[in-house]
ModelCIF file with pLDDT and N, C-alpha, C, O atoms, coordinates in Angstrom:
data_MODEL
#
_entry.id   MODEL 
#
_entity.id                         1 
_entity.type                       polymer 
_entity.pdbx_number_of_molecules   1 
#
_entity_poly.entity_id                      1 
_entity_poly.type                           'polypeptide(L)' 
_entity_poly.nstd_linkage                   no 
_entity_poly.nstd_monomer                   no 
_entity_poly.pdbx_seq_one_letter_code       RNAITLAPPSASPDTRCALAGFITASRRAGKHEEKIRAQSGHASNSPA 
_entity_poly.pdbx_seq_one_letter_code_can   RNAITLAPPSASPDTRCALAGFITASRRAGKHEEKIRAQSGHASNSPA 
_entity_poly.pdbx_strand_id                 A 
#
loop_
_entity_poly_seq.entity_id 
_entity_poly_seq.num 
_entity_poly_seq.mon_id 
_entity_poly_seq.hetero 
1 1  ARG n 
1 2  ASN n 
1 3  ALA n 
1 4  ILE n 
1 5  THR n 
1 6  LEU n 
1 7  ALA n 
1 8  PRO n 
1 9  PRO n 
1 10 SER n 
1 11 ALA n 
1 12 SER n 
1 13 PRO n 
1 14 ASP n 
1 15 THR n 
1 16 ARG n 
1 17 CYS n 
1 18 ALA n 
1 19 LEU n 
1 20 ALA n 
1 21 GLY n 
1 22 PHE n 
1 23 ILE n 
1 24 THR n 
1 25 ALA n 
1 26 SER n 
1 27 ARG n 
1 28 ARG n 
1 29 ALA n 
1 30 GLY n 
1 31 LYS n 
1 32 HIS n 
1 33 GLU n 
1 34 GLU n 
1 35 LYS n 
1 36 ILE n 
1 37 ARG n 
1 38 ALA n 
1 39 GLN n 
1 40 SER n 
1 41 GLY n 
1 42 HIS n 
1 43 ALA n 
1 44 SER n 
1 45 ASN n 
1 46 SER n 
1 47 PRO n 
1 48 ALA n 
#
_struct_asym.id          A 
_struct_asym.entity_id   1 
#
loop_
_ma_qa_metric.id 
_ma_qa_metric.mode 
_ma_qa_metric.name 
_ma_qa_metric.software_group_id 
_ma_qa_metric.type 
1 global pLDDT . pLDDT 
2 local  pLDDT . pLDDT 
#
_ma_qa_metric_global.metric_id      1 
_ma_qa_metric_global.metric_value   77.94 
_ma_qa_metric_global.model_id       1 
_ma_qa_metric_global.ordinal_id     1 
#
loop_
_ma_qa_metric_local.label_asym_id 
_ma_qa_metric_local.label_comp_id 
_ma_qa_metric_local.label_seq_id 
_ma_qa_metric_local.metric_id 
_ma_qa_metric_local.metric_value 
_ma_qa_metric_local.model_id 
_ma_qa_metric_local.ordinal_id 
A ARG 1  2 71.00 1 1  
A ASN 2  2 68.00 1 2  
A ALA 3  2 60.00 1 3  
A ILE 4  2 52.00 1 4  
A THR 5  2 52.00 1 5  
A LEU 6  2 49.00 1 6  
A ALA 7  2 52.00 1 7  
A PRO 8  2 53.00 1 8  
A PRO 9  2 55.00 1 9  
A SER 10 2 54.00 1 10 
A ALA 11 2 55.00 1 11 
A SER 12 2 56.00 1 12 
A PRO 13 2 57.00 1 13 
A ASP 14 2 58.00 1 14 
A THR 15 2 57.00 1 15 
A ARG 16 2 66.00 1 16 
A CYS 17 2 78.00 1 17 
A ALA 18 2 80.00 1 18 
A LEU 19 2 83.00 1 19 
A ALA 20 2 85.00 1 20 
A GLY 21 2 87.00 1 21 
A PHE 22 2 89.00 1 22 
A ILE 23 2 90.00 1 23 
A THR 24 2 88.00 1 24 
A ALA 25 2 89.00 1 25 
A SER 26 2 91.00 1 26 
A ARG 27 2 91.00 1 27 
A ARG 28 2 87.00 1 28 
A ALA 29 2 89.00 1 29 
A GLY 30 2 90.00 1 30 
A LYS 31 2 92.00 1 31 
A HIS 32 2 92.00 1 32 
A GLU 33 2 91.00 1 33 
A GLU 34 2 92.00 1 34 
A LYS 35 2 92.00 1 35 
A ILE 36 2 93.00 1 36 
A ARG 37 2 91.00 1 37 
A ALA 38 2 89.00 1 38 
A GLN 39 2 87.00 1 39 
A SER 40 2 86.00 1 40 
A GLY 41 2 86.00 1 41 
A HIS 42 2 88.00 1 42 
A ALA 43 2 88.00 1 43 
A SER 44 2 89.00 1 44 
A ASN 45 2 89.00 1 45 
A SER 46 2 89.00 1 46 
A PRO 47 2 88.00 1 47 
A ALA 48 2 87.00 1 48 
#
loop_
_atom_site.group_PDB 
_atom_site.id 
_atom_site.type_symbol 
_atom_site.label_atom_id 
_atom_site.label_alt_id 
_atom_site.label_comp_id 
_atom_site.label_asym_id 
_atom_site.label_entity_id 
_atom_site.label_seq_id 
_atom_site.pdbx_PDB_ins_code 
_atom_site.Cartn_x 
_atom_site.Cartn_y 
_atom_site.Cartn_z 
_atom_site.occupancy 
_atom_site.B_iso_or_equiv 
_atom_site.pdbx_formal_charge 
_atom_site.auth_seq_id 
_atom_site.auth_comp_id 
_atom_site.auth_asym_id 
_atom_site.auth_atom_id 
_atom_site.pdbx_PDB_model_num 
ATOM 1   N N  . ARG A 1 1  ? -13.749 9.050  9.343  1.00 71.00 ? 1  ARG A N  1 
ATOM 2   C CA . ARG A 1 1  ? -13.329 9.885  8.226  1.00 71.00 ? 1  ARG A CA 1 
ATOM 3   C C  . ARG A 1 1  ? -11.808 10.047 8.184  1.00 71.00 ? 1  ARG A C  1 
ATOM 4   O O  . ARG A 1 1  ? -11.222 10.200 7.112  1.00 71.00 ? 1  ARG A O  1 
ATOM 5   N N  . ASN A 1 2  ? -11.181 10.013 9.349  1.00 68.00 ? 2  ASN A N  1 
ATOM 6   C CA . ASN A 1 2  ? -9.746  10.277 9.419  1.00 68.00 ? 2  ASN A CA 1 
ATOM 7   C C  . ASN A 1 2  ? -8.914  9.042  9.718  1.00 68.00 ? 2  ASN A C  1 
ATOM 8   O O  . ASN A 1 2  ? -7.698  9.155  9.874  1.00 68.00 ? 2  ASN A O  1 
ATOM 9   N N  . ALA A 1 3  ? -9.521  7.873  9.803  1.00 60.00 ? 3  ALA A N  1 
ATOM 10  C CA . ALA A 1 3  ? -8.799  6.667  10.205 1.00 60.00 ? 3  ALA A CA 1 
ATOM 11  C C  . ALA A 1 3  ? -7.658  6.325  9.270  1.00 60.00 ? 3  ALA A C  1 
ATOM 12  O O  . ALA A 1 3  ? -6.620  5.834  9.712  1.00 60.00 ? 3  ALA A O  1 
ATOM 13  N N  . ILE A 1 4  ? -7.836  6.574  7.997  1.00 52.00 ? 4  ILE A N  1 
ATOM 14  C CA . ILE A 1 4  ? -6.794  6.206  7.036  1.00 52.00 ? 4  ILE A CA 1 
ATOM 15  C C  . ILE A 1 4  ? -5.499  6.957  7.301  1.00 52.00 ? 4  ILE A C  1 
ATOM 16  O O  . ILE A 1 4  ? -4.428  6.468  6.944  1.00 52.00 ? 4  ILE A O  1 
ATOM 17  N N  . THR A 1 5  ? -5.566  8.125  7.914  1.00 52.00 ? 5  THR A N  1 
ATOM 18  C CA . THR A 1 5  ? -4.364  8.914  8.187  1.00 52.00 ? 5  THR A CA 1 
ATOM 19  C C  . THR A 1 5  ? -3.862  8.735  9.606  1.00 52.00 ? 5  THR A C  1 
ATOM 20  O O  . THR A 1 5  ? -2.871  9.356  9.990  1.00 52.00 ? 5  THR A O  1 
ATOM 21  N N  . LEU A 1 6  ? -4.523  7.902  10.391 1.00 49.00 ? 6  LEU A N  1 
ATOM 22  C CA . LEU A 1 6  ? -4.136  7.788  11.796 1.00 49.00 ? 6  LEU A CA 1 
ATOM 23  C C  . LEU A 1 6  ? -2.823  7.049  12.020 1.00 49.00 ? 6  LEU A C  1 
ATOM 24  O O  . LEU A 1 6  ? -2.108  7.357  12.974 1.00 49.00 ? 6  LEU A O  1 
ATOM 25  N N  . ALA A 1 7  ? -2.493  6.105  11.187 1.00 52.00 ? 7  ALA A N  1 
ATOM 26  C CA . ALA A 1 7  ? -1.337  5.277  11.502 1.00 52.00 ? 7  ALA A CA 1 
ATOM 27  C C  . ALA A 1 7  ? -0.423  5.046  10.303 1.00 52.00 ? 7  ALA A C  1 
ATOM 28  O O  . ALA A 1 7  ? -0.378  3.937  9.770  1.00 52.00 ? 7  ALA A O  1 
ATOM 29  N N  . PRO A 1 8  ? 0.294   6.059  9.879  1.00 53.00 ? 8  PRO A N  1 
ATOM 30  C CA . PRO A 1 8  ? 1.314   5.813  8.862  1.00 53.00 ? 8  PRO A CA 1 
ATOM 31  C C  . PRO A 1 8  ? 2.406   4.918  9.453  1.00 53.00 ? 8  PRO A C  1 
ATOM 32  O O  . PRO A 1 8  ? 2.491   4.789  10.675 1.00 53.00 ? 8  PRO A O  1 
ATOM 33  N N  . PRO A 1 9  ? 3.240   4.300  8.619  1.00 55.00 ? 9  PRO A N  1 
ATOM 34  C CA . PRO A 1 9  ? 4.250   3.372  9.133  1.00 55.00 ? 9  PRO A CA 1 
ATOM 35  C C  . PRO A 1 9  ? 5.138   3.948  10.227 1.00 55.00 ? 9  PRO A C  1 
ATOM 36  O O  . PRO A 1 9  ? 5.590   3.207  11.100 1.00 55.00 ? 9  PRO A O  1 
ATOM 37  N N  . SER A 1 10 ? 5.395   5.231  10.200 1.00 54.00 ? 10 SER A N  1 
ATOM 38  C CA . SER A 1 10 ? 6.270   5.830  11.212 1.00 54.00 ? 10 SER A CA 1 
ATOM 39  C C  . SER A 1 10 ? 5.491   6.361  12.408 1.00 54.00 ? 10 SER A C  1 
ATOM 40  O O  . SER A 1 10 ? 6.031   7.119  13.214 1.00 54.00 ? 10 SER A O  1 
ATOM 41  N N  . ALA A 1 11 ? 4.236   5.972  12.529 1.00 55.00 ? 11 ALA A N  1 
ATOM 42  C CA . ALA A 1 11 ? 3.380   6.503  13.589 1.00 55.00 ? 11 ALA A CA 1 
ATOM 43  C C  . ALA A 1 11 ? 3.859   6.081  14.970 1.00 55.00 ? 11 ALA A C  1 
ATOM 44  O O  . ALA A 1 11 ? 4.511   5.050  15.140 1.00 55.00 ? 11 ALA A O  1 
ATOM 45  N N  . SER A 1 12 ? 3.523   6.895  15.929 1.00 56.00 ? 12 SER A N  1 
ATOM 46  C CA . SER A 1 12 ? 3.860   6.583  17.316 1.00 56.00 ? 12 SER A CA 1 
ATOM 47  C C  . SER A 1 12 ? 2.967   5.455  17.813 1.00 56.00 ? 12 SER A C  1 
ATOM 48  O O  . SER A 1 12 ? 1.914   5.197  17.229 1.00 56.00 ? 12 SER A O  1 
ATOM 49  N N  . PRO A 1 13 ? 3.376   4.780  18.883 1.00 57.00 ? 13 PRO A N  1 
ATOM 50  C CA . PRO A 1 13 ? 2.530   3.724  19.443 1.00 57.00 ? 13 PRO A CA 1 
ATOM 51  C C  . PRO A 1 13 ? 1.146   4.234  19.827 1.00 57.00 ? 13 PRO A C  1 
ATOM 52  O O  . PRO A 1 13 ? 0.164   3.505  19.681 1.00 57.00 ? 13 PRO A O  1 
ATOM 53  N N  . ASP A 1 14 ? 1.045   5.460  20.312 1.00 58.00 ? 14 ASP A N  1 
ATOM 54  C CA . ASP A 1 14 ? -0.254  6.006  20.690 1.00 58.00 ? 14 ASP A CA 1 
ATOM 55  C C  . ASP A 1 14 ? -1.179  6.106  19.489 1.00 58.00 ? 14 ASP A C  1 
ATOM 56  O O  . ASP A 1 14 ? -2.371  5.821  19.600 1.00 58.00 ? 14 ASP A O  1 
ATOM 57  N N  . THR A 1 15 ? -0.646  6.507  18.344 1.00 57.00 ? 15 THR A N  1 
ATOM 58  C CA . THR A 1 15 ? -1.456  6.616  17.132 1.00 57.00 ? 15 THR A CA 1 
ATOM 59  C C  . THR A 1 15 ? -1.900  5.247  16.669 1.00 57.00 ? 15 THR A C  1 
ATOM 60  O O  . THR A 1 15 ? -3.048  5.070  16.262 1.00 57.00 ? 15 THR A O  1 
ATOM 61  N N  . ARG A 1 16 ? -0.996  4.268  16.727 1.00 66.00 ? 16 ARG A N  1 
ATOM 62  C CA . ARG A 1 16 ? -1.377  2.912  16.334 1.00 66.00 ? 16 ARG A CA 1 
ATOM 63  C C  . ARG A 1 16 ? -2.450  2.371  17.273 1.00 66.00 ? 16 ARG A C  1 
ATOM 64  O O  . ARG A 1 16 ? -3.334  1.632  16.839 1.00 66.00 ? 16 ARG A O  1 
ATOM 65  N N  . CYS A 1 17 ? -2.385  2.728  18.550 1.00 78.00 ? 17 CYS A N  1 
ATOM 66  C CA . CYS A 1 17 ? -3.416  2.299  19.496 1.00 78.00 ? 17 CYS A CA 1 
ATOM 67  C C  . CYS A 1 17 ? -4.777  2.877  19.122 1.00 78.00 ? 17 CYS A C  1 
ATOM 68  O O  . CYS A 1 17 ? -5.799  2.204  19.253 1.00 78.00 ? 17 CYS A O  1 
ATOM 69  N N  . ALA A 1 18 ? -4.789  4.121  18.657 1.00 80.00 ? 18 ALA A N  1 
ATOM 70  C CA . ALA A 1 18 ? -6.051  4.734  18.231 1.00 80.00 ? 18 ALA A CA 1 
ATOM 71  C C  . ALA A 1 18 ? -6.631  3.979  17.048 1.00 80.00 ? 18 ALA A C  1 
ATOM 72  O O  . ALA A 1 18 ? -7.839  3.744  16.996 1.00 80.00 ? 18 ALA A O  1 
ATOM 73  N N  . LEU A 1 19 ? -5.793  3.598  16.104 1.00 83.00 ? 19 LEU A N  1 
ATOM 74  C CA . LEU A 1 19 ? -6.266  2.855  14.939 1.00 83.00 ? 19 LEU A CA 1 
ATOM 75  C C  . LEU A 1 19 ? -6.744  1.464  15.356 1.00 83.00 ? 19 LEU A C  1 
ATOM 76  O O  . LEU A 1 19 ? -7.769  0.991  14.864 1.00 83.00 ? 19 LEU A O  1 
ATOM 77  N N  . ALA A 1 20 ? -6.021  0.813  16.246 1.00 85.00 ? 20 ALA A N  1 
ATOM 78  C CA . ALA A 1 20 ? -6.444  -0.499 16.744 1.00 85.00 ? 20 ALA A CA 1 
ATOM 79  C C  . ALA A 1 20 ? -7.801  -0.382 17.430 1.00 85.00 ? 20 ALA A C  1 
ATOM 80  O O  . ALA A 1 20 ? -8.668  -1.238 17.253 1.00 85.00 ? 20 ALA A O  1 
ATOM 81  N N  . GLY A 1 21 ? -7.980  0.669  18.204 1.00 87.00 ? 21 GLY A N  1 
ATOM 82  C CA . GLY A 1 21 ? -9.260  0.894  18.875 1.00 87.00 ? 21 GLY A CA 1 
ATOM 83  C C  . GLY A 1 21 ? -10.386 1.115  17.883 1.00 87.00 ? 21 GLY A C  1 
ATOM 84  O O  . GLY A 1 21 ? -11.490 0.605  18.069 1.00 87.00 ? 21 GLY A O  1 
ATOM 85  N N  . PHE A 1 22 ? -10.113 1.869  16.831 1.00 89.00 ? 22 PHE A N  1 
ATOM 86  C CA . PHE A 1 22 ? -11.115 2.092  15.785 1.00 89.00 ? 22 PHE A CA 1 
ATOM 87  C C  . PHE A 1 22 ? -11.515 0.772  15.144 1.00 89.00 ? 22 PHE A C  1 
ATOM 88  O O  . PHE A 1 22 ? -12.702 0.503  14.956 1.00 89.00 ? 22 PHE A O  1 
ATOM 89  N N  . ILE A 1 23 ? -10.527 -0.053 14.809 1.00 90.00 ? 23 ILE A N  1 
ATOM 90  C CA . ILE A 1 23 ? -10.811 -1.325 14.133 1.00 90.00 ? 23 ILE A CA 1 
ATOM 91  C C  . ILE A 1 23 ? -11.590 -2.263 15.043 1.00 90.00 ? 23 ILE A C  1 
ATOM 92  O O  . ILE A 1 23 ? -12.594 -2.837 14.620 1.00 90.00 ? 23 ILE A O  1 
ATOM 93  N N  . THR A 1 24 ? -11.146 -2.429 16.279 1.00 88.00 ? 24 THR A N  1 
ATOM 94  C CA . THR A 1 24 ? -11.835 -3.358 17.178 1.00 88.00 ? 24 THR A CA 1 
ATOM 95  C C  . THR A 1 24 ? -13.233 -2.850 17.527 1.00 88.00 ? 24 THR A C  1 
ATOM 96  O O  . THR A 1 24 ? -14.172 -3.643 17.597 1.00 88.00 ? 24 THR A O  1 
ATOM 97  N N  . ALA A 1 25 ? -13.388 -1.547 17.746 1.00 89.00 ? 25 ALA A N  1 
ATOM 98  C CA . ALA A 1 25 ? -14.721 -1.004 18.056 1.00 89.00 ? 25 ALA A CA 1 
ATOM 99  C C  . ALA A 1 25 ? -15.657 -1.158 16.864 1.00 89.00 ? 25 ALA A C  1 
ATOM 100 O O  . ALA A 1 25 ? -16.835 -1.473 17.036 1.00 89.00 ? 25 ALA A O  1 
ATOM 101 N N  . SER A 1 26 ? -15.146 -0.938 15.664 1.00 91.00 ? 26 SER A N  1 
ATOM 102 C CA . SER A 1 26 ? -15.968 -1.100 14.465 1.00 91.00 ? 26 SER A CA 1 
ATOM 103 C C  . SER A 1 26 ? -16.418 -2.546 14.315 1.00 91.00 ? 26 SER A C  1 
ATOM 104 O O  . SER A 1 26 ? -17.578 -2.819 14.005 1.00 91.00 ? 26 SER A O  1 
ATOM 105 N N  . ARG A 1 27 ? -15.499 -3.458 14.536 1.00 91.00 ? 27 ARG A N  1 
ATOM 106 C CA . ARG A 1 27 ? -15.835 -4.881 14.417 1.00 91.00 ? 27 ARG A CA 1 
ATOM 107 C C  . ARG A 1 27 ? -16.857 -5.285 15.470 1.00 91.00 ? 27 ARG A C  1 
ATOM 108 O O  . ARG A 1 27 ? -17.816 -5.993 15.165 1.00 91.00 ? 27 ARG A O  1 
ATOM 109 N N  . ARG A 1 28 ? -16.658 -4.838 16.715 1.00 87.00 ? 28 ARG A N  1 
ATOM 110 C CA . ARG A 1 28 ? -17.611 -5.172 17.780 1.00 87.00 ? 28 ARG A CA 1 
ATOM 111 C C  . ARG A 1 28 ? -18.983 -4.577 17.506 1.00 87.00 ? 28 ARG A C  1 
ATOM 112 O O  . ARG A 1 28 ? -19.993 -5.097 17.982 1.00 87.00 ? 28 ARG A O  1 
ATOM 113 N N  . ALA A 1 29 ? -19.027 -3.494 16.745 1.00 89.00 ? 29 ALA A N  1 
ATOM 114 C CA . ALA A 1 29 ? -20.299 -2.880 16.363 1.00 89.00 ? 29 ALA A CA 1 
ATOM 115 C C  . ALA A 1 29 ? -20.934 -3.595 15.177 1.00 89.00 ? 29 ALA A C  1 
ATOM 116 O O  . ALA A 1 29 ? -22.004 -3.200 14.713 1.00 89.00 ? 29 ALA A O  1 
ATOM 117 N N  . GLY A 1 30 ? -20.281 -4.643 14.686 1.00 90.00 ? 30 GLY A N  1 
ATOM 118 C CA . GLY A 1 30 ? -20.849 -5.454 13.615 1.00 90.00 ? 30 GLY A CA 1 
ATOM 119 C C  . GLY A 1 30 ? -20.472 -5.035 12.210 1.00 90.00 ? 30 GLY A C  1 
ATOM 120 O O  . GLY A 1 30 ? -21.064 -5.520 11.246 1.00 90.00 ? 30 GLY A O  1 
ATOM 121 N N  . LYS A 1 31 ? -19.499 -4.145 12.070 1.00 92.00 ? 31 LYS A N  1 
ATOM 122 C CA . LYS A 1 31 ? -19.084 -3.718 10.731 1.00 92.00 ? 31 LYS A CA 1 
ATOM 123 C C  . LYS A 1 31 ? -18.286 -4.830 10.052 1.00 92.00 ? 31 LYS A C  1 
ATOM 124 O O  . LYS A 1 31 ? -17.575 -5.586 10.713 1.00 92.00 ? 31 LYS A O  1 
ATOM 125 N N  . HIS A 1 32 ? -18.409 -4.921 8.742  1.00 92.00 ? 32 HIS A N  1 
ATOM 126 C CA . HIS A 1 32 ? -17.715 -5.959 7.972  1.00 92.00 ? 32 HIS A CA 1 
ATOM 127 C C  . HIS A 1 32 ? -16.268 -5.569 7.708  1.00 92.00 ? 32 HIS A C  1 
ATOM 128 O O  . HIS A 1 32 ? -15.926 -4.389 7.628  1.00 92.00 ? 32 HIS A O  1 
ATOM 129 N N  . GLU A 1 33 ? -15.419 -6.598 7.575  1.00 91.00 ? 33 GLU A N  1 
ATOM 130 C CA . GLU A 1 33 ? -13.984 -6.371 7.371  1.00 91.00 ? 33 GLU A CA 1 
ATOM 131 C C  . GLU A 1 33 ? -13.695 -5.447 6.205  1.00 91.00 ? 33 GLU A C  1 
ATOM 132 O O  . GLU A 1 33 ? -12.829 -4.578 6.296  1.00 91.00 ? 33 GLU A O  1 
ATOM 133 N N  . GLU A 1 34 ? -14.418 -5.631 5.110  1.00 92.00 ? 34 GLU A N  1 
ATOM 134 C CA . GLU A 1 34 ? -14.141 -4.826 3.912  1.00 92.00 ? 34 GLU A CA 1 
ATOM 135 C C  . GLU A 1 34 ? -14.341 -3.338 4.178  1.00 92.00 ? 34 GLU A C  1 
ATOM 136 O O  . GLU A 1 34 ? -13.544 -2.510 3.736  1.00 92.00 ? 34 GLU A O  1 
ATOM 137 N N  . LYS A 1 35 ? -15.408 -3.001 4.901  1.00 92.00 ? 35 LYS A N  1 
ATOM 138 C CA . LYS A 1 35 ? -15.675 -1.594 5.195  1.00 92.00 ? 35 LYS A CA 1 
ATOM 139 C C  . LYS A 1 35 ? -14.642 -1.035 6.163  1.00 92.00 ? 35 LYS A C  1 
ATOM 140 O O  . LYS A 1 35 ? -14.198 0.103  6.011  1.00 92.00 ? 35 LYS A O  1 
ATOM 141 N N  . ILE A 1 36 ? -14.260 -1.825 7.148  1.00 93.00 ? 36 ILE A N  1 
ATOM 142 C CA . ILE A 1 36 ? -13.268 -1.363 8.120  1.00 93.00 ? 36 ILE A CA 1 
ATOM 143 C C  . ILE A 1 36 ? -11.934 -1.138 7.421  1.00 93.00 ? 36 ILE A C  1 
ATOM 144 O O  . ILE A 1 36 ? -11.285 -0.114 7.635  1.00 93.00 ? 36 ILE A O  1 
ATOM 145 N N  . ARG A 1 37 ? -11.519 -2.094 6.580  1.00 91.00 ? 37 ARG A N  1 
ATOM 146 C CA . ARG A 1 37 ? -10.246 -1.954 5.852  1.00 91.00 ? 37 ARG A CA 1 
ATOM 147 C C  . ARG A 1 37 ? -10.270 -0.748 4.927  1.00 91.00 ? 37 ARG A C  1 
ATOM 148 O O  . ARG A 1 37 ? -9.251  -0.076 4.763  1.00 91.00 ? 37 ARG A O  1 
ATOM 149 N N  . ALA A 1 38 ? -11.413 -0.463 4.320  1.00 89.00 ? 38 ALA A N  1 
ATOM 150 C CA . ALA A 1 38 ? -11.511 0.698  3.437  1.00 89.00 ? 38 ALA A CA 1 
ATOM 151 C C  . ALA A 1 38 ? -11.228 1.988  4.207  1.00 89.00 ? 38 ALA A C  1 
ATOM 152 O O  . ALA A 1 38 ? -10.645 2.925  3.662  1.00 89.00 ? 38 ALA A O  1 
ATOM 153 N N  . GLN A 1 39 ? -11.640 2.033  5.467  1.00 87.00 ? 39 GLN A N  1 
ATOM 154 C CA . GLN A 1 39 ? -11.396 3.218  6.286  1.00 87.00 ? 39 GLN A CA 1 
ATOM 155 C C  . GLN A 1 39 ? -9.993  3.231  6.878  1.00 87.00 ? 39 GLN A C  1 
ATOM 156 O O  . GLN A 1 39 ? -9.378  4.291  6.995  1.00 87.00 ? 39 GLN A O  1 
ATOM 157 N N  . SER A 1 40 ? -9.483  2.059  7.251  1.00 86.00 ? 40 SER A N  1 
ATOM 158 C CA . SER A 1 40 ? -8.179  2.018  7.934  1.00 86.00 ? 40 SER A CA 1 
ATOM 159 C C  . SER A 1 40 ? -7.004  2.026  6.968  1.00 86.00 ? 40 SER A C  1 
ATOM 160 O O  . SER A 1 40 ? -5.885  2.371  7.349  1.00 86.00 ? 40 SER A O  1 
ATOM 161 N N  . GLY A 1 41 ? -7.256  1.645  5.711  1.00 86.00 ? 41 GLY A N  1 
ATOM 162 C CA . GLY A 1 41 ? -6.183  1.630  4.729  1.00 86.00 ? 41 GLY A CA 1 
ATOM 163 C C  . GLY A 1 41 ? -5.321  0.383  4.763  1.00 86.00 ? 41 GLY A C  1 
ATOM 164 O O  . GLY A 1 41 ? -4.268  0.352  4.126  1.00 86.00 ? 41 GLY A O  1 
ATOM 165 N N  . HIS A 1 42 ? -5.739  -0.650 5.491  1.00 88.00 ? 42 HIS A N  1 
ATOM 166 C CA . HIS A 1 42 ? -4.975  -1.895 5.552  1.00 88.00 ? 42 HIS A CA 1 
ATOM 167 C C  . HIS A 1 42 ? -5.207  -2.730 4.301  1.00 88.00 ? 42 HIS A C  1 
ATOM 168 O O  . HIS A 1 42 ? -6.292  -2.703 3.720  1.00 88.00 ? 42 HIS A O  1 
ATOM 169 N N  . ALA A 1 43 ? -4.195  -3.465 3.894  1.00 88.00 ? 43 ALA A N  1 
ATOM 170 C CA . ALA A 1 43 ? -4.314  -4.415 2.791  1.00 88.00 ? 43 ALA A CA 1 
ATOM 171 C C  . ALA A 1 43 ? -5.133  -5.616 3.255  1.00 88.00 ? 43 ALA A C  1 
ATOM 172 O O  . ALA A 1 43 ? -5.243  -5.875 4.453  1.00 88.00 ? 43 ALA A O  1 
ATOM 173 N N  . SER A 1 44 ? -5.699  -6.337 2.312  1.00 89.00 ? 44 SER A N  1 
ATOM 174 C CA . SER A 1 44 ? -6.535  -7.490 2.674  1.00 89.00 ? 44 SER A CA 1 
ATOM 175 C C  . SER A 1 44 ? -5.739  -8.593 3.368  1.00 89.00 ? 44 SER A C  1 
ATOM 176 O O  . SER A 1 44 ? -6.315  -9.417 4.078  1.00 89.00 ? 44 SER A O  1 
ATOM 177 N N  . ASN A 1 45 ? -4.429  -8.615 3.171  1.00 89.00 ? 45 ASN A N  1 
ATOM 178 C CA . ASN A 1 45 ? -3.590  -9.643 3.803  1.00 89.00 ? 45 ASN A CA 1 
ATOM 179 C C  . ASN A 1 45 ? -2.752  -9.083 4.958  1.00 89.00 ? 45 ASN A C  1 
ATOM 180 O O  . ASN A 1 45 ? -1.735  -9.676 5.318  1.00 89.00 ? 45 ASN A O  1 
ATOM 181 N N  . SER A 1 46 ? -3.158  -7.964 5.538  1.00 89.00 ? 46 SER A N  1 
ATOM 182 C CA . SER A 1 46 ? -2.392  -7.332 6.614  1.00 89.00 ? 46 SER A CA 1 
ATOM 183 C C  . SER A 1 46 ? -2.471  -8.135 7.910  1.00 89.00 ? 46 SER A C  1 
ATOM 184 O O  . SER A 1 46 ? -3.560  -8.284 8.463  1.00 89.00 ? 46 SER A O  1 
ATOM 185 N N  . PRO A 1 47 ? -1.347  -8.658 8.414  1.00 88.00 ? 47 PRO A N  1 
ATOM 186 C CA . PRO A 1 47 ? -1.359  -9.384 9.684  1.00 88.00 ? 47 PRO A CA 1 
ATOM 187 C C  . PRO A 1 47 ? -1.837  -8.507 10.843 1.00 88.00 ? 47 PRO A C  1 
ATOM 188 O O  . PRO A 1 47 ? -2.531  -8.989 11.739 1.00 88.00 ? 47 PRO A O  1 
ATOM 189 N N  . ALA A 1 48 ? -1.472  -7.228 10.828 1.00 87.00 ? 48 ALA A N  1 
ATOM 190 C CA . ALA A 1 48 ? -1.892  -6.333 11.906 1.00 87.00 ? 48 ALA A CA 1 
ATOM 191 C C  . ALA A 1 48 ? -3.414  -6.186 11.914 1.00 87.00 ? 48 ALA A C  1 
ATOM 192 O O  . ALA A 1 48 ? -3.960  -5.469 12.753 1.00 87.00 ? 48 ALA A O  1 
#
């Protein structure tokens, strides 16, 4: 519910780590990229 606000561009490394953990855990749980991106707020072409 709060992933979209976890990592604004000026976020600390710890906050970015939390978002990375959310994304990787979601993917390992079998969630699709589109749903994960909708929660994380990343663009479809985001290298990160």
